[in-house]
Amino acid sequence: MQLIKNISDKRGQIVLYHSEKDNLFHVAPDGCISKALLQRFLKELKIINDQQTTRAMHHIVDTSKVVFAHPLNPYYLRAIKKLPDIGWYIVIVPNPLLRILVHLTKWINNPDFVFKSMDECHAFLKKQEP
């Protein structure tokens, strides 16, 4: 995976990786994800997505290192599904309680799949390869 962008503030960061071989954007938030940090990330993601000339890319957001997220973040994350040429929008949520919350609020940010680990996600993606 190639590092594309590291967006950070004093309490958290969001790192974006790209793997053209695997057709993936991998988003790795860490720490406290404020509304302002998320908005900066979404602007960068839109710019990066607009520059893509290849096929649709799957977006994986791995929340395993998030300590705190602003309560309105799911509303802003809807922007991922609105990107042109997006493949699957996958969310990794290791915490069972938070996974239940993601499923309850799925209508807001509408991820295609929610997995409990990256291993589970990779196993799913391997099954989907032609």
Protein backbone atom coordinates (compact mmCIF):
# COMPACT_ATOMS: atom_id res chain seq x y z
CA MET A 1 0.00 0.00 0.00
CA GLN A 2 1.18 3.45 -0.85
CA LEU A 3 0.79 6.34 1.59
CA ILE A 4 -1.29 9.05 -0.09
CA LYS A 5 -2.08 11.57 2.64
CA ASN A 6 -1.67 12.08 6.38
CA ILE A 7 -4.09 14.62 7.83
CA SER A 8 -3.69 15.39 11.51
CA ASP A 9 -4.40 17.78 14.30
CA LYS A 10 -3.19 17.79 17.91
CA ARG A 11 -5.55 14.99 19.05
CA GLY A 12 -5.96 12.69 16.07
CA GLN A 13 -5.02 11.80 12.54
CA ILE A 14 -6.45 10.21 9.43
CA VAL A 15 -4.06 8.42 7.11
CA LEU A 16 -5.07 7.44 3.59
CA TYR A 17 -3.36 4.61 1.72
CA HIS A 18 -3.94 3.49 -1.85
CA SER A 19 -3.41 0.12 -3.47
CA GLU A 20 -4.12 0.20 -7.18
CA LYS A 21 -3.26 -3.51 -7.41
CA ASP A 22 -6.02 -4.36 -4.91
CA ASN A 23 -8.35 -1.58 -6.09
CA LEU A 24 -8.50 -0.09 -2.56
CA PHE A 25 -8.39 3.15 -0.64
CA HIS A 26 -7.58 2.26 2.97
CA VAL A 27 -8.45 4.92 5.55
CA ALA A 28 -6.82 4.60 8.98
CA PRO A 29 -8.16 7.09 11.55
CA ASP A 30 -6.35 7.21 14.89
CA GLY A 31 -7.07 8.98 18.17
CA CYS A 32 -9.82 11.58 18.45
CA ILE A 33 -11.57 12.32 15.17
CA SER A 34 -13.10 15.76 15.38
CA LYS A 35 -15.62 17.17 12.95
CA ALA A 36 -13.00 19.59 11.57
CA LEU A 37 -10.46 16.81 11.02
CA LEU A 38 -13.05 14.66 9.27
CA GLN A 39 -14.13 17.54 7.05
CA ARG A 40 -10.50 18.19 6.01
CA PHE A 41 -10.12 14.49 5.22
CA LEU A 42 -13.31 14.39 3.12
CA LYS A 43 -12.13 17.38 1.06
CA GLU A 44 -8.80 15.64 0.40
CA LEU A 45 -10.54 12.37 -0.41
CA LYS A 46 -12.76 14.10 -2.98
CA ILE A 47 -9.71 15.69 -4.64
CA ILE A 48 -7.90 12.34 -4.74
CA ASN A 49 -10.98 10.54 -6.03
CA ASP A 50 -11.48 13.14 -8.77
CA GLN A 51 -7.89 12.54 -9.95
CA GLN A 52 -8.44 8.78 -10.32
CA THR A 53 -8.47 7.61 -13.89
CA THR A 54 -8.80 3.90 -13.15
CA ARG A 55 -11.83 1.79 -12.32
CA ALA A 56 -13.97 2.24 -9.21
CA MET A 57 -12.04 1.96 -5.96
CA HIS A 58 -13.28 0.26 -2.80
CA HIS A 59 -13.00 2.37 0.38
CA ILE A 60 -12.11 0.66 3.66
CA VAL A 61 -12.33 2.68 6.87
CA ASP A 62 -10.62 0.91 9.77
CA THR A 63 -11.87 2.38 13.06
CA SER A 64 -9.85 0.07 15.33
CA LYS A 65 -7.58 2.89 16.60
CA VAL A 66 -10.26 5.54 17.07
CA VAL A 67 -10.54 6.63 20.70
CA PHE A 68 -13.32 9.18 20.22
CA ALA A 69 -15.31 10.44 17.23
CA HIS A 70 -17.55 13.48 17.06
CA PRO A 71 -21.19 12.33 17.30
CA LEU A 72 -22.10 13.97 13.97
CA ASN A 73 -19.32 12.22 12.02
CA PRO A 74 -21.69 9.58 10.54
CA TYR A 75 -23.60 12.39 8.80
CA TYR A 76 -20.39 13.66 7.20
CA LEU A 77 -19.26 10.15 6.24
CA ARG A 78 -22.23 9.97 3.87
CA ALA A 79 -19.98 11.92 1.49
CA ILE A 80 -17.94 8.76 0.84
CA LYS A 81 -20.92 6.99 -0.73
CA LYS A 82 -21.57 10.03 -2.91
CA LEU A 83 -18.13 9.92 -4.54
CA PRO A 84 -18.23 9.06 -8.24
CA ASP A 85 -16.90 5.64 -9.20
CA ILE A 86 -16.88 4.31 -5.65
CA GLY A 87 -16.80 0.56 -5.25
CA TRP A 88 -17.73 -0.84 -1.86
CA TYR A 89 -17.68 1.29 1.27
CA ILE A 90 -16.45 -1.04 4.01
CA VAL A 91 -16.11 -0.21 7.70
CA ILE A 92 -13.97 -2.18 10.16
CA VAL A 93 -15.33 -1.97 13.73
CA PRO A 94 -13.68 -4.38 16.23
CA ASN A 95 -15.77 -3.31 19.24
CA PRO A 96 -19.05 -5.32 19.35
CA LEU A 97 -21.01 -2.50 21.00
CA LEU A 98 -19.85 0.03 18.42
CA ARG A 99 -20.63 -2.46 15.64
CA ILE A 100 -24.24 -2.56 16.91
CA LEU A 101 -24.32 1.26 16.83
CA VAL A 102 -22.99 1.24 13.27
CA HIS A 103 -25.73 -1.18 12.24
CA LEU A 104 -28.37 0.94 13.99
CA THR A 105 -27.16 4.08 12.20
CA LYS A 106 -26.43 2.33 8.89
CA TRP A 107 -29.18 4.33 7.20
CA ILE A 108 -27.15 7.50 7.86
CA ASN A 109 -23.75 6.74 6.35
CA ASN A 110 -24.78 3.58 4.48
CA PRO A 111 -21.67 1.35 4.44
CA ASP A 112 -21.95 -1.66 2.17
CA PHE A 113 -20.26 -3.99 4.67
CA VAL A 114 -19.22 -3.87 8.33
CA PHE A 115 -16.53 -6.28 9.51
CA LYS A 116 -14.96 -6.86 12.91
CA SER A 117 -11.36 -7.15 11.64
CA MET A 118 -9.14 -6.47 8.66
CA ASP A 119 -8.55 -10.22 8.38
CA GLU A 120 -12.29 -10.78 7.99
CA CYS A 121 -12.43 -7.98 5.40
CA HIS A 122 -9.46 -9.36 3.42
CA ALA A 123 -10.99 -12.86 3.44
CA PHE A 124 -14.20 -11.39 2.01
CA LEU A 125 -12.32 -9.42 -0.66
CA LYS A 126 -10.31 -12.50 -1.71
CA LYS A 127 -13.55 -14.40 -2.29
CA GLN A 128 -14.77 -11.59 -4.56
CA GLU A 129 -11.74 -11.61 -6.87
CA PRO A 130 -12.52 -12.92 -10.35
